[in-house]
N, C-alpha and C. Protein backbone atom coordinates (compact mmCIF):
# COMPACT_ATOMS: atom_id res chain seq x y z
N UNK A 1 -144.28 214.08 -100.11
CA UNK A 1 -145.20 212.98 -100.34
C UNK A 1 -144.51 211.66 -99.96
N UNK A 2 -145.25 210.79 -99.28
CA UNK A 2 -144.73 209.48 -98.92
C UNK A 2 -144.61 208.64 -100.20
N UNK A 3 -143.47 207.96 -100.34
CA UNK A 3 -143.24 207.15 -101.54
C UNK A 3 -142.93 205.72 -101.17
N UNK A 4 -143.48 204.80 -101.94
CA UNK A 4 -143.21 203.38 -101.80
C UNK A 4 -142.75 202.88 -103.17
N UNK A 5 -141.63 202.17 -103.19
CA UNK A 5 -141.19 201.48 -104.40
C UNK A 5 -141.65 200.03 -104.30
N UNK A 6 -142.11 199.50 -105.43
CA UNK A 6 -142.52 198.10 -105.49
C UNK A 6 -141.78 197.39 -106.62
N UNK A 7 -141.37 196.16 -106.35
CA UNK A 7 -140.99 195.27 -107.43
C UNK A 7 -142.30 194.83 -108.08
N UNK A 8 -142.23 194.28 -109.29
CA UNK A 8 -143.47 193.84 -109.93
C UNK A 8 -143.69 192.34 -109.75
N UNK A 9 -142.91 191.53 -110.47
CA UNK A 9 -143.11 190.08 -110.45
C UNK A 9 -142.82 189.52 -109.06
N UNK A 10 -143.79 188.81 -108.52
CA UNK A 10 -143.64 188.24 -107.18
C UNK A 10 -144.14 189.13 -106.07
N UNK A 11 -144.47 190.39 -106.40
CA UNK A 11 -144.99 191.33 -105.41
C UNK A 11 -146.40 191.77 -105.81
N UNK A 12 -146.54 192.23 -107.05
CA UNK A 12 -147.84 192.64 -107.58
C UNK A 12 -148.52 191.47 -108.28
N UNK A 13 -147.75 190.72 -109.04
CA UNK A 13 -148.29 189.61 -109.82
C UNK A 13 -147.51 188.33 -109.55
N UNK A 14 -148.14 187.20 -109.88
CA UNK A 14 -147.51 185.91 -109.70
C UNK A 14 -146.36 185.73 -110.68
N UNK A 15 -145.31 185.07 -110.22
CA UNK A 15 -144.25 184.63 -111.12
C UNK A 15 -144.76 183.38 -111.84
N UNK A 16 -144.39 183.21 -113.11
CA UNK A 16 -144.74 181.94 -113.76
C UNK A 16 -144.13 180.78 -112.96
N UNK A 17 -144.84 179.67 -112.90
CA UNK A 17 -144.43 178.56 -112.05
C UNK A 17 -143.09 177.95 -112.47
N UNK A 18 -142.69 178.12 -113.70
CA UNK A 18 -141.44 177.52 -114.18
C UNK A 18 -140.26 178.50 -114.11
N UNK A 19 -140.37 179.53 -113.31
CA UNK A 19 -139.35 180.57 -113.20
C UNK A 19 -139.09 181.25 -114.55
N UNK A 20 -140.11 181.24 -115.38
CA UNK A 20 -140.01 181.89 -116.68
C UNK A 20 -140.36 183.36 -116.58
N UNK A 21 -140.91 183.89 -117.64
CA UNK A 21 -141.20 185.31 -117.73
C UNK A 21 -142.67 185.57 -118.01
N UNK A 22 -143.14 186.70 -117.57
CA UNK A 22 -144.46 187.18 -117.94
C UNK A 22 -144.25 187.88 -119.29
N UNK A 23 -144.65 187.20 -120.36
CA UNK A 23 -144.36 187.69 -121.72
C UNK A 23 -145.51 188.43 -122.36
N UNK A 24 -146.73 188.23 -121.84
CA UNK A 24 -147.91 188.90 -122.38
C UNK A 24 -148.98 188.94 -121.29
N UNK A 25 -150.07 189.62 -121.57
CA UNK A 25 -151.09 189.82 -120.56
C UNK A 25 -151.70 188.51 -120.07
N UNK A 26 -151.77 187.50 -120.93
CA UNK A 26 -152.36 186.22 -120.50
C UNK A 26 -151.48 185.52 -119.46
N UNK A 27 -150.19 185.88 -119.38
CA UNK A 27 -149.28 185.32 -118.37
C UNK A 27 -149.38 186.07 -117.04
N UNK A 28 -150.06 187.20 -117.03
CA UNK A 28 -150.08 188.09 -115.86
C UNK A 28 -151.29 187.76 -114.99
N UNK A 29 -151.03 187.50 -113.69
CA UNK A 29 -152.09 187.27 -112.72
C UNK A 29 -151.75 188.05 -111.46
N UNK A 30 -152.64 188.95 -111.05
CA UNK A 30 -152.42 189.69 -109.81
C UNK A 30 -152.38 188.72 -108.64
N UNK A 31 -151.48 188.97 -107.71
CA UNK A 31 -151.46 188.20 -106.47
C UNK A 31 -152.69 188.56 -105.63
N UNK A 32 -153.17 187.64 -104.80
CA UNK A 32 -154.33 187.94 -103.96
C UNK A 32 -154.10 189.21 -103.14
N UNK A 33 -155.09 190.08 -103.17
CA UNK A 33 -155.13 191.33 -102.40
C UNK A 33 -154.11 192.39 -102.82
N UNK A 34 -153.38 192.16 -103.91
CA UNK A 34 -152.42 193.17 -104.37
C UNK A 34 -153.14 194.43 -104.84
N UNK A 35 -154.23 194.26 -105.57
CA UNK A 35 -154.99 195.43 -106.03
C UNK A 35 -155.52 196.24 -104.85
N UNK A 36 -156.00 195.56 -103.83
CA UNK A 36 -156.51 196.25 -102.64
C UNK A 36 -155.38 196.99 -101.91
N UNK A 37 -154.22 196.36 -101.86
CA UNK A 37 -153.07 197.01 -101.20
C UNK A 37 -152.68 198.28 -101.92
N UNK A 38 -152.61 198.22 -103.24
CA UNK A 38 -152.24 199.41 -104.02
C UNK A 38 -153.31 200.48 -103.88
N UNK A 39 -154.58 200.08 -103.92
CA UNK A 39 -155.67 201.03 -103.72
C UNK A 39 -155.57 201.73 -102.37
N UNK A 40 -155.36 200.94 -101.32
CA UNK A 40 -155.32 201.51 -99.98
C UNK A 40 -154.10 202.40 -99.78
N UNK A 41 -152.96 202.01 -100.33
CA UNK A 41 -151.77 202.88 -100.25
C UNK A 41 -152.04 204.20 -100.98
N UNK A 42 -152.66 204.11 -102.15
CA UNK A 42 -152.99 205.32 -102.92
C UNK A 42 -153.91 206.22 -102.11
N UNK A 43 -154.95 205.65 -101.54
CA UNK A 43 -155.94 206.43 -100.78
C UNK A 43 -155.36 207.02 -99.50
N UNK A 44 -154.26 206.47 -99.03
CA UNK A 44 -153.61 206.99 -97.83
C UNK A 44 -152.42 207.88 -98.15
N UNK A 45 -152.37 208.40 -99.37
CA UNK A 45 -151.41 209.43 -99.74
C UNK A 45 -150.03 208.96 -100.16
N UNK A 46 -149.88 207.69 -100.49
CA UNK A 46 -148.58 207.19 -100.95
C UNK A 46 -148.44 207.34 -102.45
N UNK A 47 -147.28 207.81 -102.87
CA UNK A 47 -146.89 207.77 -104.28
C UNK A 47 -146.23 206.40 -104.47
N UNK A 48 -146.70 205.65 -105.48
CA UNK A 48 -146.20 204.30 -105.71
C UNK A 48 -145.43 204.28 -107.02
N UNK A 49 -144.19 203.79 -106.95
CA UNK A 49 -143.33 203.66 -108.12
C UNK A 49 -142.87 202.22 -108.22
N UNK A 50 -142.99 201.65 -109.39
CA UNK A 50 -142.54 200.28 -109.64
C UNK A 50 -141.14 200.31 -110.24
N UNK A 51 -140.27 199.45 -109.75
CA UNK A 51 -138.91 199.29 -110.30
C UNK A 51 -138.69 197.79 -110.49
N UNK A 52 -138.56 197.36 -111.75
CA UNK A 52 -138.56 195.94 -112.06
C UNK A 52 -137.51 195.57 -113.10
N UNK A 53 -136.81 194.48 -112.86
CA UNK A 53 -135.91 193.91 -113.87
C UNK A 53 -136.77 193.17 -114.90
N UNK A 54 -136.48 193.40 -116.16
CA UNK A 54 -137.21 192.71 -117.23
C UNK A 54 -136.21 192.17 -118.26
N UNK A 55 -135.38 191.24 -117.79
CA UNK A 55 -134.30 190.68 -118.61
C UNK A 55 -134.82 189.91 -119.83
N UNK A 56 -136.08 189.51 -119.83
CA UNK A 56 -136.63 188.82 -120.99
C UNK A 56 -136.52 189.63 -122.26
N UNK A 57 -136.49 190.94 -122.14
CA UNK A 57 -136.30 191.80 -123.32
C UNK A 57 -134.88 191.62 -123.85
N UNK A 58 -133.90 191.76 -122.97
CA UNK A 58 -132.50 191.60 -123.38
C UNK A 58 -132.18 190.21 -123.88
N UNK A 59 -132.93 189.21 -123.42
CA UNK A 59 -132.73 187.83 -123.87
C UNK A 59 -133.50 187.52 -125.14
N UNK A 60 -134.31 188.48 -125.62
CA UNK A 60 -135.08 188.26 -126.84
C UNK A 60 -136.31 187.39 -126.66
N UNK A 61 -136.79 187.24 -125.43
CA UNK A 61 -137.95 186.40 -125.14
C UNK A 61 -139.25 187.15 -125.41
N UNK A 62 -139.26 188.45 -125.13
CA UNK A 62 -140.39 189.32 -125.44
C UNK A 62 -139.84 190.70 -125.76
N UNK A 63 -140.68 191.56 -126.28
CA UNK A 63 -140.24 192.88 -126.74
C UNK A 63 -140.63 193.98 -125.75
N UNK A 64 -140.06 195.15 -125.94
CA UNK A 64 -140.47 196.29 -125.11
C UNK A 64 -141.93 196.62 -125.36
N UNK A 65 -142.41 196.42 -126.59
CA UNK A 65 -143.83 196.66 -126.86
C UNK A 65 -144.71 195.67 -126.09
N UNK A 66 -144.27 194.41 -125.99
CA UNK A 66 -145.00 193.44 -125.17
C UNK A 66 -145.08 193.93 -123.72
N UNK A 67 -143.96 194.42 -123.20
CA UNK A 67 -143.93 194.92 -121.82
C UNK A 67 -144.83 196.13 -121.66
N UNK A 68 -144.80 197.03 -122.63
CA UNK A 68 -145.67 198.21 -122.60
C UNK A 68 -147.13 197.79 -122.57
N UNK A 69 -147.49 196.80 -123.37
CA UNK A 69 -148.87 196.31 -123.39
C UNK A 69 -149.28 195.73 -122.04
N UNK A 70 -148.38 194.94 -121.44
CA UNK A 70 -148.66 194.36 -120.11
C UNK A 70 -148.86 195.48 -119.09
N UNK A 71 -147.96 196.46 -119.10
CA UNK A 71 -148.06 197.54 -118.12
C UNK A 71 -149.30 198.39 -118.34
N UNK A 72 -149.68 198.63 -119.58
CA UNK A 72 -150.91 199.41 -119.83
C UNK A 72 -152.13 198.70 -119.25
N UNK A 73 -152.23 197.40 -119.46
CA UNK A 73 -153.35 196.64 -118.93
C UNK A 73 -153.30 196.58 -117.40
N UNK A 74 -152.09 196.39 -116.86
CA UNK A 74 -151.92 196.35 -115.40
C UNK A 74 -152.38 197.67 -114.79
N UNK A 75 -151.92 198.78 -115.36
CA UNK A 75 -152.29 200.10 -114.83
C UNK A 75 -153.78 200.35 -114.94
N UNK A 76 -154.39 199.90 -116.02
CA UNK A 76 -155.84 200.05 -116.19
C UNK A 76 -156.59 199.33 -115.08
N UNK A 77 -156.20 198.09 -114.82
CA UNK A 77 -156.90 197.33 -113.76
C UNK A 77 -156.65 197.93 -112.38
N UNK A 78 -155.45 198.42 -112.14
CA UNK A 78 -155.15 199.07 -110.86
C UNK A 78 -156.01 200.31 -110.70
N UNK A 79 -156.08 201.12 -111.74
CA UNK A 79 -156.87 202.36 -111.67
C UNK A 79 -158.37 202.07 -111.55
N UNK A 80 -158.83 201.00 -112.17
CA UNK A 80 -160.26 200.63 -112.06
C UNK A 80 -160.64 200.25 -110.64
N UNK A 81 -159.66 199.82 -109.84
CA UNK A 81 -159.95 199.48 -108.45
C UNK A 81 -159.62 200.62 -107.49
N UNK A 82 -159.23 201.77 -108.03
CA UNK A 82 -158.97 202.94 -107.20
C UNK A 82 -157.52 203.15 -106.82
N UNK A 83 -156.61 202.36 -107.36
CA UNK A 83 -155.18 202.54 -107.09
C UNK A 83 -154.51 203.37 -108.17
N UNK A 84 -153.27 203.73 -107.93
CA UNK A 84 -152.54 204.51 -108.93
C UNK A 84 -151.05 204.25 -108.79
N UNK A 85 -150.42 203.90 -109.90
CA UNK A 85 -148.97 203.77 -109.97
C UNK A 85 -148.44 205.04 -110.62
N UNK A 86 -147.60 205.75 -109.91
CA UNK A 86 -147.10 207.03 -110.40
C UNK A 86 -146.19 206.85 -111.62
N UNK A 87 -145.31 205.84 -111.57
CA UNK A 87 -144.37 205.63 -112.68
C UNK A 87 -143.83 204.21 -112.58
N UNK A 88 -143.48 203.65 -113.74
CA UNK A 88 -142.83 202.34 -113.80
C UNK A 88 -141.45 202.51 -114.41
N UNK A 89 -140.44 202.05 -113.69
CA UNK A 89 -139.07 201.98 -114.21
C UNK A 89 -138.76 200.51 -114.43
N UNK A 90 -138.09 200.22 -115.53
CA UNK A 90 -137.71 198.83 -115.78
C UNK A 90 -136.33 198.77 -116.43
N UNK A 91 -135.63 197.70 -116.13
CA UNK A 91 -134.35 197.43 -116.76
C UNK A 91 -134.59 196.37 -117.82
N UNK A 92 -134.37 196.71 -119.10
CA UNK A 92 -134.60 195.75 -120.17
C UNK A 92 -133.38 194.91 -120.53
N UNK A 93 -132.29 195.12 -119.82
CA UNK A 93 -131.01 194.56 -120.23
C UNK A 93 -130.81 193.10 -119.83
N UNK A 94 -129.99 192.43 -120.60
CA UNK A 94 -129.57 191.06 -120.30
C UNK A 94 -128.79 191.09 -118.99
N UNK A 95 -128.89 190.06 -118.16
CA UNK A 95 -128.16 190.06 -116.89
C UNK A 95 -126.64 190.24 -117.03
N UNK A 96 -126.09 189.86 -118.17
CA UNK A 96 -124.65 190.00 -118.38
C UNK A 96 -124.25 191.35 -118.97
N UNK A 97 -125.21 192.25 -119.18
CA UNK A 97 -124.93 193.52 -119.85
C UNK A 97 -124.08 194.48 -119.01
N UNK A 98 -124.09 194.31 -117.69
CA UNK A 98 -123.29 195.19 -116.83
C UNK A 98 -123.85 196.59 -116.68
N UNK A 99 -125.14 196.76 -116.91
CA UNK A 99 -125.75 198.08 -116.80
C UNK A 99 -125.85 198.51 -115.33
N UNK A 100 -126.16 199.76 -115.11
CA UNK A 100 -126.31 200.29 -113.75
C UNK A 100 -127.76 200.22 -113.26
N UNK A 101 -128.69 199.88 -114.17
CA UNK A 101 -130.10 199.88 -113.76
C UNK A 101 -130.59 198.53 -113.28
N UNK A 102 -129.89 197.46 -113.60
CA UNK A 102 -130.37 196.13 -113.21
C UNK A 102 -130.11 195.88 -111.73
N UNK A 103 -131.19 195.58 -111.00
CA UNK A 103 -131.03 195.22 -109.60
C UNK A 103 -130.17 193.97 -109.51
N UNK A 104 -129.20 193.90 -108.64
CA UNK A 104 -129.07 194.58 -107.36
C UNK A 104 -128.43 195.97 -107.41
N UNK A 105 -128.05 196.45 -108.60
CA UNK A 105 -127.54 197.82 -108.66
C UNK A 105 -128.72 198.77 -108.46
N UNK A 106 -128.47 199.94 -107.93
CA UNK A 106 -129.56 200.83 -107.54
C UNK A 106 -129.97 201.86 -108.60
N UNK A 107 -129.53 201.70 -109.82
CA UNK A 107 -129.74 202.73 -110.84
C UNK A 107 -131.17 203.20 -111.01
N UNK A 108 -132.12 202.28 -111.10
CA UNK A 108 -133.52 202.68 -111.29
C UNK A 108 -134.02 203.49 -110.10
N UNK A 109 -133.65 203.06 -108.90
CA UNK A 109 -134.12 203.74 -107.69
C UNK A 109 -133.50 205.13 -107.57
N UNK A 110 -132.24 205.24 -107.89
CA UNK A 110 -131.57 206.54 -107.82
C UNK A 110 -132.15 207.47 -108.87
N UNK A 111 -132.39 206.96 -110.08
CA UNK A 111 -133.00 207.78 -111.13
C UNK A 111 -134.37 208.28 -110.70
N UNK A 112 -135.20 207.38 -110.17
CA UNK A 112 -136.54 207.77 -109.72
C UNK A 112 -136.47 208.81 -108.61
N UNK A 113 -135.57 208.61 -107.66
CA UNK A 113 -135.44 209.57 -106.55
C UNK A 113 -135.05 210.94 -107.07
N UNK A 114 -134.15 210.97 -108.01
CA UNK A 114 -133.70 212.24 -108.59
C UNK A 114 -134.83 212.91 -109.38
N UNK A 115 -135.49 212.14 -110.23
CA UNK A 115 -136.53 212.70 -111.10
C UNK A 115 -137.76 213.18 -110.33
N UNK A 116 -138.03 212.57 -109.18
CA UNK A 116 -139.24 212.92 -108.43
C UNK A 116 -138.96 213.58 -107.09
N UNK A 117 -137.70 213.98 -106.89
CA UNK A 117 -137.30 214.69 -105.67
C UNK A 117 -137.76 213.92 -104.42
N UNK A 118 -137.37 212.65 -104.34
CA UNK A 118 -137.79 211.77 -103.26
C UNK A 118 -136.73 211.75 -102.17
N UNK A 119 -137.16 211.93 -100.94
CA UNK A 119 -136.29 211.78 -99.79
C UNK A 119 -136.22 210.28 -99.47
N UNK A 120 -135.14 209.63 -99.91
CA UNK A 120 -135.04 208.17 -99.77
C UNK A 120 -134.98 207.72 -98.32
N UNK A 121 -134.59 208.60 -97.42
CA UNK A 121 -134.52 208.21 -96.00
C UNK A 121 -135.90 207.93 -95.41
N UNK A 122 -136.95 208.35 -96.10
CA UNK A 122 -138.32 208.14 -95.63
C UNK A 122 -139.10 207.22 -96.58
N UNK A 123 -138.35 206.39 -97.30
CA UNK A 123 -138.94 205.58 -98.36
C UNK A 123 -138.68 204.10 -98.12
N UNK A 124 -139.59 203.25 -98.59
CA UNK A 124 -139.46 201.81 -98.50
C UNK A 124 -139.50 201.20 -99.90
N UNK A 125 -138.80 200.08 -100.05
CA UNK A 125 -138.87 199.29 -101.27
C UNK A 125 -139.37 197.91 -100.89
N UNK A 126 -140.46 197.47 -101.51
CA UNK A 126 -141.04 196.17 -101.23
C UNK A 126 -140.69 195.23 -102.37
N UNK A 127 -139.97 194.17 -102.03
CA UNK A 127 -139.56 193.20 -103.03
C UNK A 127 -139.61 191.79 -102.50
N UNK A 128 -139.37 190.84 -103.40
CA UNK A 128 -139.42 189.43 -103.03
C UNK A 128 -138.08 188.72 -103.22
N UNK A 129 -137.03 189.48 -103.51
CA UNK A 129 -135.74 188.82 -103.76
C UNK A 129 -134.59 189.55 -103.07
N UNK A 130 -133.50 188.83 -102.93
CA UNK A 130 -132.29 189.41 -102.34
C UNK A 130 -131.82 190.59 -103.17
N UNK A 131 -131.95 190.50 -104.50
CA UNK A 131 -131.50 191.62 -105.34
C UNK A 131 -132.33 192.88 -105.07
N UNK A 132 -133.61 192.73 -104.72
CA UNK A 132 -134.43 193.89 -104.35
C UNK A 132 -133.90 194.52 -103.07
N UNK A 133 -133.59 193.67 -102.10
CA UNK A 133 -133.06 194.16 -100.82
C UNK A 133 -131.73 194.89 -101.05
N UNK A 134 -130.85 194.29 -101.84
CA UNK A 134 -129.54 194.88 -102.10
C UNK A 134 -129.66 196.22 -102.83
N UNK A 135 -130.53 196.29 -103.83
CA UNK A 135 -130.72 197.54 -104.56
C UNK A 135 -131.25 198.64 -103.63
N UNK A 136 -132.21 198.28 -102.79
CA UNK A 136 -132.76 199.25 -101.85
C UNK A 136 -131.67 199.76 -100.92
N UNK A 137 -130.91 198.86 -100.34
CA UNK A 137 -129.83 199.26 -99.42
C UNK A 137 -128.84 200.19 -100.12
N UNK A 138 -128.47 199.86 -101.35
CA UNK A 138 -127.49 200.67 -102.09
C UNK A 138 -128.03 202.06 -102.43
N UNK A 139 -129.35 202.19 -102.46
CA UNK A 139 -129.98 203.49 -102.72
C UNK A 139 -130.40 204.19 -101.43
N UNK A 140 -130.02 203.63 -100.28
CA UNK A 140 -130.37 204.16 -98.96
C UNK A 140 -131.87 204.18 -98.70
N UNK A 141 -132.56 203.18 -99.26
CA UNK A 141 -133.99 203.00 -99.08
C UNK A 141 -134.18 201.79 -98.15
N UNK A 142 -135.16 201.84 -97.26
CA UNK A 142 -135.43 200.74 -96.34
C UNK A 142 -136.11 199.58 -97.07
N UNK A 143 -135.48 198.39 -97.07
CA UNK A 143 -136.07 197.26 -97.78
C UNK A 143 -137.06 196.46 -96.94
N UNK A 144 -138.14 196.07 -97.60
CA UNK A 144 -139.15 195.19 -97.02
C UNK A 144 -139.22 193.95 -97.91
N UNK A 145 -139.17 192.78 -97.30
CA UNK A 145 -139.30 191.53 -98.02
C UNK A 145 -140.71 190.99 -97.84
N UNK A 146 -141.32 190.57 -98.95
CA UNK A 146 -142.59 189.86 -98.87
C UNK A 146 -142.34 188.41 -99.26
N UNK A 147 -143.13 187.51 -98.71
CA UNK A 147 -142.90 186.07 -98.87
C UNK A 147 -143.60 185.47 -100.08
N UNK A 148 -144.16 186.32 -100.94
CA UNK A 148 -144.73 185.86 -102.20
C UNK A 148 -143.61 185.77 -103.24
N UNK A 149 -143.93 185.25 -104.41
CA UNK A 149 -142.91 185.14 -105.46
C UNK A 149 -141.72 184.33 -105.00
N UNK A 150 -140.54 184.92 -105.08
CA UNK A 150 -139.31 184.27 -104.62
C UNK A 150 -139.02 184.59 -103.16
N UNK A 151 -139.97 185.19 -102.48
CA UNK A 151 -139.76 185.67 -101.12
C UNK A 151 -139.39 184.61 -100.10
N UNK A 152 -140.00 183.44 -100.20
CA UNK A 152 -139.66 182.38 -99.23
C UNK A 152 -138.22 181.91 -99.41
N UNK A 153 -137.79 181.77 -100.66
CA UNK A 153 -136.39 181.40 -100.91
C UNK A 153 -135.45 182.50 -100.41
N UNK A 154 -135.84 183.74 -100.63
CA UNK A 154 -135.02 184.87 -100.16
C UNK A 154 -134.96 184.90 -98.64
N UNK A 155 -136.10 184.63 -98.00
CA UNK A 155 -136.15 184.58 -96.54
C UNK A 155 -135.22 183.48 -96.03
N UNK A 156 -135.28 182.31 -96.64
CA UNK A 156 -134.40 181.21 -96.23
C UNK A 156 -132.94 181.58 -96.40
N UNK A 157 -132.62 182.30 -97.45
CA UNK A 157 -131.25 182.78 -97.65
C UNK A 157 -130.84 183.71 -96.50
N UNK A 158 -131.75 184.59 -96.13
CA UNK A 158 -131.46 185.56 -95.06
C UNK A 158 -131.19 184.86 -93.72
N UNK A 159 -131.99 183.87 -93.40
CA UNK A 159 -131.84 183.26 -92.07
C UNK A 159 -130.81 182.13 -92.05
N UNK A 160 -130.53 181.54 -93.21
CA UNK A 160 -129.60 180.41 -93.24
C UNK A 160 -128.20 180.78 -93.73
N UNK A 161 -128.04 182.01 -94.15
CA UNK A 161 -126.76 182.43 -94.70
C UNK A 161 -125.72 182.58 -93.60
N UNK A 162 -124.51 182.09 -93.87
CA UNK A 162 -123.40 182.30 -92.93
C UNK A 162 -123.00 183.76 -92.91
N UNK A 163 -123.32 184.43 -94.00
CA UNK A 163 -122.98 185.84 -94.11
C UNK A 163 -123.93 186.66 -93.24
N UNK A 164 -123.40 187.61 -92.56
CA UNK A 164 -124.24 188.53 -91.78
C UNK A 164 -124.29 189.88 -92.48
N UNK A 165 -124.04 189.88 -93.77
CA UNK A 165 -124.03 191.13 -94.53
C UNK A 165 -125.38 191.82 -94.42
N UNK A 166 -125.34 193.04 -93.96
CA UNK A 166 -126.57 193.81 -93.81
C UNK A 166 -127.23 194.05 -95.16
N UNK A 167 -126.43 194.06 -96.24
CA UNK A 167 -126.99 194.33 -97.56
C UNK A 167 -127.99 193.28 -98.00
N UNK A 168 -127.96 192.09 -97.41
CA UNK A 168 -128.88 191.02 -97.79
C UNK A 168 -130.08 190.90 -96.85
N UNK A 169 -130.17 191.74 -95.86
CA UNK A 169 -131.21 191.59 -94.85
C UNK A 169 -132.25 192.72 -94.96
N UNK A 170 -133.53 192.34 -94.98
CA UNK A 170 -134.58 193.36 -95.02
C UNK A 170 -134.79 193.99 -93.65
N UNK A 171 -135.39 195.16 -93.63
CA UNK A 171 -135.76 195.78 -92.36
C UNK A 171 -137.01 195.14 -91.77
N UNK A 172 -137.92 194.73 -92.64
CA UNK A 172 -139.19 194.11 -92.23
C UNK A 172 -139.50 192.97 -93.19
N UNK A 173 -140.27 192.00 -92.71
CA UNK A 173 -140.73 190.88 -93.53
C UNK A 173 -142.24 190.74 -93.33
N UNK A 174 -142.97 190.63 -94.44
CA UNK A 174 -144.42 190.46 -94.39
C UNK A 174 -144.84 189.32 -95.30
N UNK A 175 -146.01 188.79 -95.06
CA UNK A 175 -146.53 187.68 -95.85
C UNK A 175 -146.70 188.07 -97.32
N UNK A 176 -147.22 189.28 -97.56
CA UNK A 176 -147.50 189.72 -98.93
C UNK A 176 -147.61 191.24 -98.96
N UNK A 177 -147.89 191.77 -100.13
CA UNK A 177 -148.01 193.22 -100.30
C UNK A 177 -149.13 193.78 -99.43
N UNK A 178 -150.22 193.05 -99.32
CA UNK A 178 -151.34 193.54 -98.53
C UNK A 178 -150.97 193.71 -97.06
N UNK A 179 -150.31 192.72 -96.47
CA UNK A 179 -149.95 192.85 -95.06
C UNK A 179 -148.89 193.93 -94.87
N UNK A 180 -147.99 194.08 -95.84
CA UNK A 180 -147.02 195.18 -95.78
C UNK A 180 -147.74 196.53 -95.84
N UNK A 181 -148.76 196.62 -96.68
CA UNK A 181 -149.49 197.89 -96.81
C UNK A 181 -150.20 198.26 -95.51
N UNK A 182 -150.71 197.26 -94.78
CA UNK A 182 -151.38 197.54 -93.50
C UNK A 182 -150.39 198.21 -92.55
N UNK A 183 -149.18 197.68 -92.50
CA UNK A 183 -148.16 198.24 -91.60
C UNK A 183 -147.78 199.65 -92.06
N UNK A 184 -147.56 199.83 -93.34
CA UNK A 184 -147.16 201.15 -93.86
C UNK A 184 -148.22 202.21 -93.58
N UNK A 185 -149.46 201.85 -93.74
CA UNK A 185 -150.55 202.81 -93.52
C UNK A 185 -150.61 203.21 -92.04
N UNK A 186 -150.26 202.29 -91.14
CA UNK A 186 -150.30 202.58 -89.72
C UNK A 186 -149.09 203.37 -89.22
N UNK A 187 -148.00 203.37 -90.00
CA UNK A 187 -146.77 204.08 -89.57
C UNK A 187 -147.00 205.57 -89.43
């Protein structure tokens, strides 16, 4: 089965304007055409897995129950439009915790690949940050950058960086999840 990994904040939903956190459902807003992209990927045989850092839990800003409530509502709306998220992986740890699951480390992606018998060489990860790109590369998954969320800043980092480190560079760049989905469906 074809698999696509997605970051959540900045790819599926808007980031809060103050670089804060989505702490409850009222803070959550789907990005334009994200629901349609997920629906179309689902209808074209893609298994979709979300892998997202949620440091607000480790920082005590919101609880795991708050996150569960957000994800339940998100999944309901996705399913109501004909899409389906196979599984959500999240890192609840503080950025200083040193865990293996927090992106840019590849722990969540490796765990998902192992649990679902995913051939990562045929898989893409769509994210909006350098840490998404780095995590994908470390898991041998092809990274795609979208310019929503923190994507424009990440793009500027990629093109303006003196470093030519491949770990910071995406394989493809798209305006948003919807335009990325068009390309994936055509592959």
